[in-house]
Amino acid sequence: MANKLLSIIQSIAILLTGVLVFEFGYSGSHPNGDDFGITEAIFSDSPTE
């Protein structure tokens, strides 16, 4: 049971870290630096614009 719980926590931590890195990385390269950069990146066809 403990191993399963640890596995779940680890997965969540990795996911959150990935989201944060992506958010800051994308916002940093965006001129207006808005907080919704991650939403733009997901829904945009070309996030490098």
Protein backbone atom coordinates (compact mmCIF):
# COMPACT_ATOMS: atom_id res chain seq x y z
CA MET A 1 0.00 0.00 0.00
CA ALA A 2 2.77 2.42 0.92
CA ASN A 3 4.55 1.78 -2.38
CA LYS A 4 1.40 2.52 -4.37
CA LEU A 5 0.85 5.77 -2.47
CA LEU A 6 4.48 6.78 -2.97
CA SER A 7 4.16 6.05 -6.67
CA ILE A 8 1.09 8.27 -6.94
CA ILE A 9 2.78 11.12 -5.05
CA GLN A 10 5.86 10.81 -7.25
CA SER A 11 3.77 10.94 -10.42
CA ILE A 12 1.95 14.07 -9.23
CA ALA A 13 5.24 15.73 -8.27
CA ILE A 14 6.76 15.00 -11.69
CA LEU A 15 3.65 16.30 -13.42
CA LEU A 16 3.60 19.52 -11.38
CA THR A 17 7.31 20.07 -11.98
CA GLY A 18 6.80 19.60 -15.71
CA VAL A 19 3.92 22.08 -15.76
CA LEU A 20 5.90 24.68 -13.80
CA VAL A 21 8.98 24.34 -16.00
CA PHE A 22 6.84 24.57 -19.13
CA GLU A 23 4.89 27.56 -17.78
CA PHE A 24 7.97 29.55 -16.79
CA GLY A 25 9.90 28.54 -19.90
CA TYR A 26 7.07 29.58 -22.20
CA SER A 27 6.19 32.78 -20.33
CA GLY A 28 9.86 33.77 -20.27
CA SER A 29 10.02 33.64 -24.06
CA HIS A 30 6.76 35.58 -24.39
CA PRO A 31 7.10 39.36 -24.70
CA ASN A 32 4.02 40.20 -22.60
CA GLY A 33 4.86 37.51 -20.02
CA ASP A 34 1.23 36.76 -19.25
CA ASP A 35 0.21 34.10 -16.73
CA PHE A 36 -1.84 32.24 -19.33
CA GLY A 37 1.13 31.30 -21.49
CA ILE A 38 0.54 27.61 -20.82
CA THR A 39 -3.06 27.87 -22.03
CA GLU A 40 -1.91 29.65 -25.16
CA ALA A 41 0.71 26.99 -25.79
CA ILE A 42 -1.83 24.17 -25.48
CA PHE A 43 -4.50 25.74 -27.68
CA SER A 44 -2.19 27.40 -30.19
CA ASP A 45 -1.13 25.59 -33.36
CA SER A 46 2.27 27.27 -33.33
CA PRO A 47 3.42 28.09 -29.76
CA THR A 48 6.71 29.52 -31.07
CA GLU A 49 4.96 32.58 -32.53
